[in-house]
Amino acid sequence: MIAAIKWAALTVCVSLTFTGCSRWEPVYEVAPDAVDDVRSIGEVVAHATNEWDLDRASQVNHVLLMDVGAASYEDARKTVLDRLRQRGWRGSGPGLASEVLESPHWEHVLLSVDPLEKLQDDGSDRLPAIVEALESRSEMLNRLAVVYMTP
């Protein structure tokens, strides 16, 4: 009887593995409290996520379009970085095109602040929430900052 149960369990596990019905790979996500922390520094015009398949894992990134009441992107970027630093976020070194910050409160959470043009680099400009915000807020696009959060 016990052998039959073990055989049935093994059969189910093997069939799920080979049919792709099960996802055993880890999914890396930003801590929700970290996202809330960033959202609290200004008005979130749009918030979307995109998922990247890595080798034997997935990573869910957050993209936030932020309005912090600045007159230009450069002012918005400076304001976002200043407010995050006041909340304890600190530099972890230069990124490819921007400064990268990390939080002392959540491990493995990185963020960068970028101009709208960066949205096109990874396809984020095609995410529905981002598209809607870009179309409805066209008069203010030059003063928004894009905050990318990655685990």
N, C-alpha and C. Protein backbone atom coordinates (compact mmCIF):
# COMPACT_ATOMS: atom_id res chain seq x y z
N MET A 1 0.82 -1.20 0.00
CA MET A 1 0.00 0.00 0.00
C MET A 1 0.87 1.26 0.00
N ILE A 2 1.89 1.31 0.89
CA ILE A 2 2.76 2.48 0.96
C ILE A 2 3.55 2.61 -0.34
N ALA A 3 3.97 1.52 -0.90
CA ALA A 3 4.71 1.56 -2.16
C ALA A 3 3.84 2.15 -3.27
N ALA A 4 2.54 1.82 -3.28
CA ALA A 4 1.62 2.34 -4.29
C ALA A 4 1.47 3.85 -4.14
N ILE A 5 1.41 4.35 -2.91
CA ILE A 5 1.28 5.79 -2.65
C ILE A 5 2.54 6.52 -3.11
N LYS A 6 3.70 5.95 -2.78
CA LYS A 6 4.96 6.56 -3.22
C LYS A 6 5.03 6.60 -4.74
N TRP A 7 4.62 5.50 -5.39
CA TRP A 7 4.66 5.44 -6.84
C TRP A 7 3.72 6.49 -7.44
N ALA A 8 2.54 6.66 -6.87
CA ALA A 8 1.58 7.65 -7.37
C ALA A 8 2.14 9.07 -7.19
N ALA A 9 2.75 9.33 -6.06
CA ALA A 9 3.32 10.66 -5.81
C ALA A 9 4.46 10.94 -6.78
N LEU A 10 5.31 9.95 -7.02
CA LEU A 10 6.41 10.12 -7.97
C LEU A 10 5.88 10.36 -9.38
N THR A 11 4.85 9.64 -9.77
CA THR A 11 4.25 9.81 -11.10
C THR A 11 3.70 11.21 -11.28
N VAL A 12 3.02 11.72 -10.28
CA VAL A 12 2.46 13.08 -10.34
C VAL A 12 3.58 14.11 -10.46
N CYS A 13 4.60 13.98 -9.64
CA CYS A 13 5.72 14.93 -9.67
C CYS A 13 6.43 14.93 -11.01
N VAL A 14 6.69 13.74 -11.54
CA VAL A 14 7.39 13.64 -12.82
C VAL A 14 6.52 14.22 -13.93
N SER A 15 5.23 13.93 -13.93
CA SER A 15 4.38 14.43 -15.01
C SER A 15 4.25 15.94 -14.94
N LEU A 16 4.17 16.52 -13.76
CA LEU A 16 4.10 17.98 -13.64
C LEU A 16 5.39 18.62 -14.11
N THR A 17 6.49 18.01 -13.80
CA THR A 17 7.79 18.55 -14.21
C THR A 17 7.93 18.54 -15.72
N PHE A 18 7.58 17.45 -16.36
CA PHE A 18 7.78 17.35 -17.81
C PHE A 18 6.71 18.08 -18.61
N THR A 19 5.55 18.32 -18.06
CA THR A 19 4.52 19.03 -18.81
C THR A 19 4.61 20.53 -18.62
N GLY A 20 5.42 20.97 -17.71
CA GLY A 20 5.54 22.41 -17.50
C GLY A 20 4.40 22.99 -16.70
N CYS A 21 3.57 22.16 -16.12
CA CYS A 21 2.44 22.66 -15.34
C CYS A 21 2.86 23.18 -13.98
N SER A 22 4.04 22.91 -13.62
CA SER A 22 4.51 23.33 -12.31
C SER A 22 5.71 24.24 -12.49
N ARG A 23 5.84 25.18 -11.60
CA ARG A 23 6.98 26.10 -11.67
C ARG A 23 7.79 25.93 -10.39
N TRP A 24 8.91 25.26 -10.51
CA TRP A 24 9.74 25.00 -9.35
C TRP A 24 10.85 26.01 -9.21
N GLU A 25 11.06 26.84 -10.24
CA GLU A 25 12.12 27.83 -10.19
C GLU A 25 11.71 28.97 -9.25
N PRO A 26 12.69 29.59 -8.61
CA PRO A 26 12.36 30.71 -7.73
C PRO A 26 11.97 31.95 -8.53
N VAL A 27 11.14 32.77 -7.92
CA VAL A 27 10.75 34.06 -8.49
C VAL A 27 11.28 35.12 -7.54
N TYR A 28 12.15 35.99 -8.04
CA TYR A 28 12.73 37.05 -7.24
C TYR A 28 11.89 38.30 -7.42
N GLU A 29 11.40 38.85 -6.29
CA GLU A 29 10.55 40.03 -6.33
C GLU A 29 11.03 41.06 -5.32
N VAL A 30 10.71 42.32 -5.60
CA VAL A 30 11.00 43.40 -4.67
C VAL A 30 10.02 43.30 -3.51
N ALA A 31 10.50 43.50 -2.29
CA ALA A 31 9.63 43.47 -1.12
C ALA A 31 8.55 44.54 -1.26
N PRO A 32 7.28 44.18 -1.03
CA PRO A 32 6.20 45.16 -1.15
C PRO A 32 6.41 46.41 -0.29
N ASP A 33 6.99 46.24 0.90
CA ASP A 33 7.24 47.41 1.76
C ASP A 33 8.26 48.35 1.14
N ALA A 34 9.21 47.81 0.39
CA ALA A 34 10.20 48.66 -0.29
C ALA A 34 9.52 49.48 -1.38
N VAL A 35 8.60 48.86 -2.12
CA VAL A 35 7.85 49.58 -3.15
C VAL A 35 7.01 50.67 -2.50
N ASP A 36 6.36 50.35 -1.39
CA ASP A 36 5.55 51.36 -0.68
C ASP A 36 6.41 52.52 -0.19
N ASP A 37 7.62 52.22 0.24
CA ASP A 37 8.54 53.26 0.70
C ASP A 37 8.84 54.24 -0.43
N VAL A 38 9.10 53.73 -1.60
CA VAL A 38 9.40 54.59 -2.75
C VAL A 38 8.13 55.33 -3.19
N ARG A 39 7.01 54.67 -3.19
CA ARG A 39 5.75 55.32 -3.58
C ARG A 39 5.43 56.52 -2.69
N SER A 40 5.89 56.50 -1.46
CA SER A 40 5.53 57.55 -0.51
C SER A 40 6.25 58.87 -0.74
N ILE A 41 7.23 58.92 -1.64
CA ILE A 41 8.01 60.15 -1.81
C ILE A 41 7.40 61.13 -2.81
N GLY A 42 6.33 60.75 -3.47
CA GLY A 42 5.69 61.65 -4.44
C GLY A 42 4.45 61.01 -5.02
N GLU A 43 3.92 61.63 -6.06
CA GLU A 43 2.74 61.07 -6.72
C GLU A 43 3.19 60.03 -7.73
N VAL A 44 2.60 58.86 -7.64
CA VAL A 44 2.89 57.80 -8.61
C VAL A 44 1.90 57.96 -9.76
N VAL A 45 2.41 58.39 -10.88
CA VAL A 45 1.59 58.60 -12.08
C VAL A 45 1.24 57.26 -12.71
N ALA A 46 2.16 56.32 -12.66
CA ALA A 46 1.92 54.96 -13.16
C ALA A 46 2.86 54.01 -12.44
N HIS A 47 2.39 52.77 -12.29
CA HIS A 47 3.17 51.72 -11.65
C HIS A 47 2.90 50.43 -12.42
N ALA A 48 3.95 49.83 -12.92
CA ALA A 48 3.81 48.58 -13.67
C ALA A 48 4.93 47.63 -13.25
N THR A 49 4.74 46.38 -13.57
CA THR A 49 5.80 45.39 -13.33
C THR A 49 6.10 44.68 -14.64
N ASN A 50 7.32 44.22 -14.75
CA ASN A 50 7.68 43.36 -15.88
C ASN A 50 8.50 42.20 -15.32
N GLU A 51 8.32 41.07 -15.95
CA GLU A 51 8.99 39.85 -15.47
C GLU A 51 10.01 39.40 -16.50
N TRP A 52 11.18 39.09 -16.01
CA TRP A 52 12.26 38.61 -16.86
C TRP A 52 12.58 37.17 -16.48
N ASP A 53 12.70 36.33 -17.48
CA ASP A 53 13.09 34.94 -17.25
C ASP A 53 14.60 34.88 -17.23
N LEU A 54 15.12 34.39 -16.13
CA LEU A 54 16.55 34.20 -15.98
C LEU A 54 16.83 32.71 -16.09
N ASP A 55 18.07 32.32 -15.97
CA ASP A 55 18.41 30.91 -15.99
C ASP A 55 17.87 30.25 -14.73
N ARG A 56 16.83 29.45 -14.88
CA ARG A 56 16.21 28.70 -13.79
C ARG A 56 15.58 29.58 -12.71
N ALA A 57 15.17 30.80 -13.08
CA ALA A 57 14.50 31.70 -12.13
C ALA A 57 13.81 32.80 -12.92
N SER A 58 12.99 33.56 -12.23
CA SER A 58 12.35 34.73 -12.81
C SER A 58 12.58 35.91 -11.89
N GLN A 59 12.59 37.09 -12.49
CA GLN A 59 12.79 38.32 -11.72
C GLN A 59 11.67 39.28 -12.08
N VAL A 60 10.99 39.82 -11.07
CA VAL A 60 9.90 40.78 -11.28
C VAL A 60 10.41 42.16 -10.89
N ASN A 61 10.46 43.06 -11.88
CA ASN A 61 10.91 44.43 -11.66
C ASN A 61 9.71 45.37 -11.59
N HIS A 62 9.88 46.46 -10.87
CA HIS A 62 8.83 47.48 -10.78
C HIS A 62 9.29 48.73 -11.51
N VAL A 63 8.37 49.35 -12.24
CA VAL A 63 8.62 50.59 -12.95
C VAL A 63 7.60 51.60 -12.45
N LEU A 64 8.10 52.69 -11.87
CA LEU A 64 7.21 53.73 -11.35
C LEU A 64 7.50 55.05 -12.06
N LEU A 65 6.46 55.69 -12.59
CA LEU A 65 6.57 57.05 -13.11
C LEU A 65 6.20 57.97 -11.96
N MET A 66 7.14 58.82 -11.56
CA MET A 66 6.95 59.64 -10.37
C MET A 66 6.86 61.13 -10.72
N ASP A 67 5.91 61.80 -10.08
CA ASP A 67 5.81 63.25 -10.14
C ASP A 67 6.10 63.75 -8.73
N VAL A 68 7.18 64.50 -8.58
CA VAL A 68 7.55 65.03 -7.26
C VAL A 68 7.44 66.55 -7.22
N GLY A 69 6.67 67.11 -8.17
CA GLY A 69 6.44 68.55 -8.18
C GLY A 69 7.59 69.36 -8.74
N ALA A 70 8.46 68.74 -9.50
CA ALA A 70 9.62 69.43 -10.06
C ALA A 70 9.25 70.09 -11.39
N ALA A 71 10.09 71.03 -11.80
CA ALA A 71 9.86 71.74 -13.06
C ALA A 71 10.51 71.05 -14.25
N SER A 72 11.46 70.15 -13.99
CA SER A 72 12.17 69.47 -15.08
C SER A 72 12.59 68.08 -14.61
N TYR A 73 13.03 67.26 -15.56
CA TYR A 73 13.49 65.93 -15.18
C TYR A 73 14.69 66.02 -14.24
N GLU A 74 15.63 66.89 -14.54
CA GLU A 74 16.83 66.99 -13.69
C GLU A 74 16.45 67.34 -12.26
N ASP A 75 15.49 68.27 -12.09
CA ASP A 75 15.02 68.62 -10.75
C ASP A 75 14.28 67.44 -10.11
N ALA A 76 13.49 66.74 -10.91
CA ALA A 76 12.76 65.57 -10.40
C ALA A 76 13.73 64.50 -9.94
N ARG A 77 14.75 64.23 -10.73
CA ARG A 77 15.75 63.23 -10.38
C ARG A 77 16.43 63.58 -9.07
N LYS A 78 16.85 64.84 -8.95
CA LYS A 78 17.51 65.29 -7.72
C LYS A 78 16.57 65.16 -6.52
N THR A 79 15.32 65.55 -6.69
CA THR A 79 14.35 65.46 -5.60
C THR A 79 14.11 64.02 -5.18
N VAL A 80 13.93 63.13 -6.15
CA VAL A 80 13.72 61.71 -5.85
C VAL A 80 14.91 61.15 -5.08
N LEU A 81 16.11 61.41 -5.57
CA LEU A 81 17.31 60.90 -4.90
C LEU A 81 17.45 61.48 -3.50
N ASP A 82 17.20 62.78 -3.34
CA ASP A 82 17.29 63.41 -2.01
C ASP A 82 16.29 62.79 -1.04
N ARG A 83 15.05 62.62 -1.48
CA ARG A 83 14.01 62.06 -0.60
C ARG A 83 14.32 60.61 -0.23
N LEU A 84 14.84 59.85 -1.18
CA LEU A 84 15.19 58.47 -0.87
C LEU A 84 16.36 58.40 0.10
N ARG A 85 17.33 59.27 -0.09
CA ARG A 85 18.47 59.29 0.85
C ARG A 85 18.01 59.67 2.25
N GLN A 86 17.05 60.58 2.36
CA GLN A 86 16.50 60.94 3.67
C GLN A 86 15.83 59.74 4.33
N ARG A 87 15.34 58.81 3.53
CA ARG A 87 14.68 57.61 4.05
C ARG A 87 15.67 56.47 4.27
N GLY A 88 16.97 56.74 4.06
CA GLY A 88 17.99 55.73 4.35
C GLY A 88 18.55 55.02 3.14
N TRP A 89 18.00 55.25 1.94
CA TRP A 89 18.55 54.62 0.75
C TRP A 89 19.94 55.20 0.52
N ARG A 90 20.86 54.37 0.05
CA ARG A 90 22.23 54.83 -0.15
C ARG A 90 22.78 54.32 -1.48
N GLY A 91 23.78 55.01 -1.98
CA GLY A 91 24.38 54.64 -3.25
C GLY A 91 25.10 53.31 -3.16
N SER A 92 24.95 52.52 -4.21
CA SER A 92 25.68 51.25 -4.27
C SER A 92 26.64 51.25 -5.43
N GLY A 93 26.85 52.42 -6.01
CA GLY A 93 27.77 52.53 -7.13
C GLY A 93 27.05 52.98 -8.38
N PRO A 94 27.80 53.41 -9.37
CA PRO A 94 27.17 53.89 -10.60
C PRO A 94 26.62 52.73 -11.42
N GLY A 95 25.46 52.98 -12.03
CA GLY A 95 24.88 52.00 -12.95
C GLY A 95 25.38 52.29 -14.35
N LEU A 96 24.74 51.69 -15.32
CA LEU A 96 25.14 51.92 -16.70
C LEU A 96 24.95 53.38 -17.10
N ALA A 97 23.80 53.95 -16.76
CA ALA A 97 23.52 55.33 -17.15
C ALA A 97 22.99 56.15 -15.99
N SER A 98 22.97 55.60 -14.80
CA SER A 98 22.40 56.32 -13.67
C SER A 98 22.99 55.81 -12.36
N GLU A 99 22.71 56.55 -11.33
CA GLU A 99 23.14 56.14 -10.00
C GLU A 99 22.22 55.03 -9.50
N VAL A 100 22.77 54.08 -8.80
CA VAL A 100 22.00 52.97 -8.26
C VAL A 100 21.96 53.12 -6.74
N LEU A 101 20.75 52.98 -6.17
CA LEU A 101 20.58 53.06 -4.72
C LEU A 101 20.10 51.72 -4.20
N GLU A 102 20.42 51.48 -2.92
CA GLU A 102 19.90 50.30 -2.24
C GLU A 102 19.43 50.73 -0.87
N SER A 103 18.54 49.96 -0.29
CA SER A 103 17.99 50.28 1.01
C SER A 103 18.65 49.46 2.10
N PRO A 104 18.88 50.07 3.26
CA PRO A 104 19.41 49.29 4.37
C PRO A 104 18.33 48.42 5.02
N HIS A 105 17.08 48.64 4.66
CA HIS A 105 15.97 47.91 5.29
C HIS A 105 15.59 46.61 4.58
N TRP A 106 15.84 46.55 3.26
CA TRP A 106 15.45 45.37 2.49
C TRP A 106 16.66 44.90 1.70
N GLU A 107 17.01 43.64 1.88
CA GLU A 107 18.15 43.08 1.16
C GLU A 107 17.82 42.88 -0.31
N HIS A 108 18.80 43.05 -1.13
CA HIS A 108 18.70 42.75 -2.56
C HIS A 108 17.63 43.57 -3.27
N VAL A 109 17.44 44.83 -2.86
CA VAL A 109 16.54 45.72 -3.57
C VAL A 109 17.37 46.89 -4.08
N LEU A 110 17.42 47.02 -5.39
CA LEU A 110 18.17 48.11 -6.01
C LEU A 110 17.19 48.98 -6.79
N LEU A 111 17.53 50.27 -6.91
CA LEU A 111 16.71 51.13 -7.74
C LEU A 111 17.58 52.14 -8.45
N SER A 112 17.05 52.64 -9.55
CA SER A 112 17.71 53.71 -10.29
C SER A 112 16.64 54.72 -10.70
N VAL A 113 17.07 55.95 -10.92
CA VAL A 113 16.18 57.02 -11.34
C VAL A 113 16.64 57.46 -12.72
N ASP A 114 15.72 57.41 -13.67
CA ASP A 114 16.08 57.63 -15.06
C ASP A 114 15.06 58.52 -15.77
N PRO A 115 15.46 59.07 -16.93
CA PRO A 115 14.51 59.85 -17.73
C PRO A 115 13.56 58.92 -18.49
N LEU A 116 12.50 59.50 -19.05
CA LEU A 116 11.50 58.72 -19.77
C LEU A 116 12.09 57.92 -20.93
N GLU A 117 13.11 58.44 -21.55
CA GLU A 117 13.72 57.75 -22.69
C GLU A 117 14.17 56.34 -22.34
N LYS A 118 14.52 56.12 -21.09
CA LYS A 118 14.99 54.81 -20.63
C LYS A 118 13.90 53.75 -20.75
N LEU A 119 12.63 54.18 -20.73
CA LEU A 119 11.52 53.23 -20.84
C LEU A 119 11.61 52.40 -22.12
N GLN A 120 12.13 52.99 -23.18
CA GLN A 120 12.22 52.30 -24.46
C GLN A 120 13.30 51.23 -24.46
N ASP A 121 14.29 51.37 -23.61
CA ASP A 121 15.42 50.44 -23.61
C ASP A 121 15.02 49.00 -23.28
N ASP A 122 14.06 48.85 -22.38
CA ASP A 122 13.67 47.49 -21.98
C ASP A 122 12.23 47.15 -22.34
N GLY A 123 11.59 48.01 -23.12
CA GLY A 123 10.21 47.73 -23.53
C GLY A 123 9.17 48.18 -22.53
N SER A 124 9.57 48.84 -21.46
CA SER A 124 8.61 49.28 -20.45
C SER A 124 7.63 50.32 -21.01
N ASP A 125 8.01 50.98 -22.10
CA ASP A 125 7.11 51.96 -22.71
C ASP A 125 5.89 51.30 -23.33
N ARG A 126 5.86 49.96 -23.40
CA ARG A 126 4.72 49.24 -23.95
C ARG A 126 3.84 48.61 -22.87
N LEU A 127 4.20 48.77 -21.60
CA LEU A 127 3.37 48.24 -20.52
C LEU A 127 2.09 49.07 -20.43
N PRO A 128 0.92 48.44 -20.36
CA PRO A 128 -0.35 49.17 -20.43
C PRO A 128 -0.47 50.36 -19.47
N ALA A 129 -0.09 50.20 -18.22
CA ALA A 129 -0.21 51.30 -17.26
C ALA A 129 0.69 52.47 -17.64
N ILE A 130 1.85 52.17 -18.18
CA ILE A 130 2.79 53.21 -18.61
C ILE A 130 2.25 53.93 -19.84
N VAL A 131 1.76 53.17 -20.82
CA VAL A 131 1.21 53.76 -22.04
C VAL A 131 0.07 54.72 -21.69
N GLU A 132 -0.83 54.27 -20.84
CA GLU A 132 -1.98 55.10 -20.45
C GLU A 132 -1.52 56.39 -19.79
N ALA A 133 -0.56 56.30 -18.90
CA ALA A 133 -0.06 57.49 -18.21
C ALA A 133 0.63 58.45 -19.18
N LEU A 134 1.42 57.91 -20.10
CA LEU A 134 2.11 58.76 -21.06
C LEU A 134 1.13 59.50 -21.96
N GLU A 135 0.04 58.82 -22.32
CA GLU A 135 -0.96 59.46 -23.19
C GLU A 135 -1.79 60.49 -22.44
N SER A 136 -2.12 60.22 -21.19
CA SER A 136 -2.99 61.12 -20.45
C SER A 136 -2.25 62.28 -19.79
N ARG A 137 -0.96 62.19 -19.64
CA ARG A 137 -0.19 63.23 -18.96
C ARG A 137 0.86 63.85 -19.88
N SER A 138 0.57 63.95 -21.14
CA SER A 138 1.58 64.40 -22.11
C SER A 138 2.11 65.80 -21.80
N GLU A 139 1.31 66.63 -21.14
CA GLU A 139 1.75 68.00 -20.83
C GLU A 139 2.82 68.04 -19.74
N MET A 140 2.99 66.98 -19.00
CA MET A 140 3.93 66.99 -17.88
C MET A 140 5.09 66.01 -18.04
N LEU A 141 5.23 65.41 -19.19
CA LEU A 141 6.24 64.35 -19.37
C LEU A 141 7.66 64.81 -19.06
N ASN A 142 7.98 66.06 -19.36
CA ASN A 142 9.36 66.52 -19.18
C ASN A 142 9.74 66.71 -17.71
N ARG A 143 8.79 66.53 -16.79
CA ARG A 143 9.13 66.69 -15.38
C ARG A 143 8.92 65.42 -14.56
N LEU A 144 8.74 64.30 -15.22
CA LEU A 144 8.58 63.03 -14.54
C LEU A 144 9.91 62.30 -14.44
N ALA A 145 10.03 61.47 -13.42
CA ALA A 145 11.20 60.61 -13.26
C ALA A 145 10.73 59.16 -13.28
N VAL A 146 11.51 58.30 -13.87
CA VAL A 146 11.23 56.87 -13.89
C VAL A 146 12.09 56.21 -12.83
N VAL A 147 11.43 55.49 -11.92
CA VAL A 147 12.15 54.76 -10.89
C VAL A 147 12.02 53.27 -11.20
N TYR A 148 13.17 52.63 -11.42
CA TYR A 148 13.22 51.18 -11.66
C TYR A 148 13.64 50.52 -10.37
N MET A 149 12.89 49.49 -9.95
CA MET A 149 13.23 48.73 -8.75
C MET A 149 13.43 47.26 -9.16
N THR A 150 14.56 46.71 -8.75
CA THR A 150 14.86 45.32 -9.08
C THR A 150 15.30 44.56 -7.82
N PRO A 151 14.95 43.27 -7.77
CA PRO A 151 15.39 42.47 -6.62
C PRO A 151 16.83 42.02 -6.79
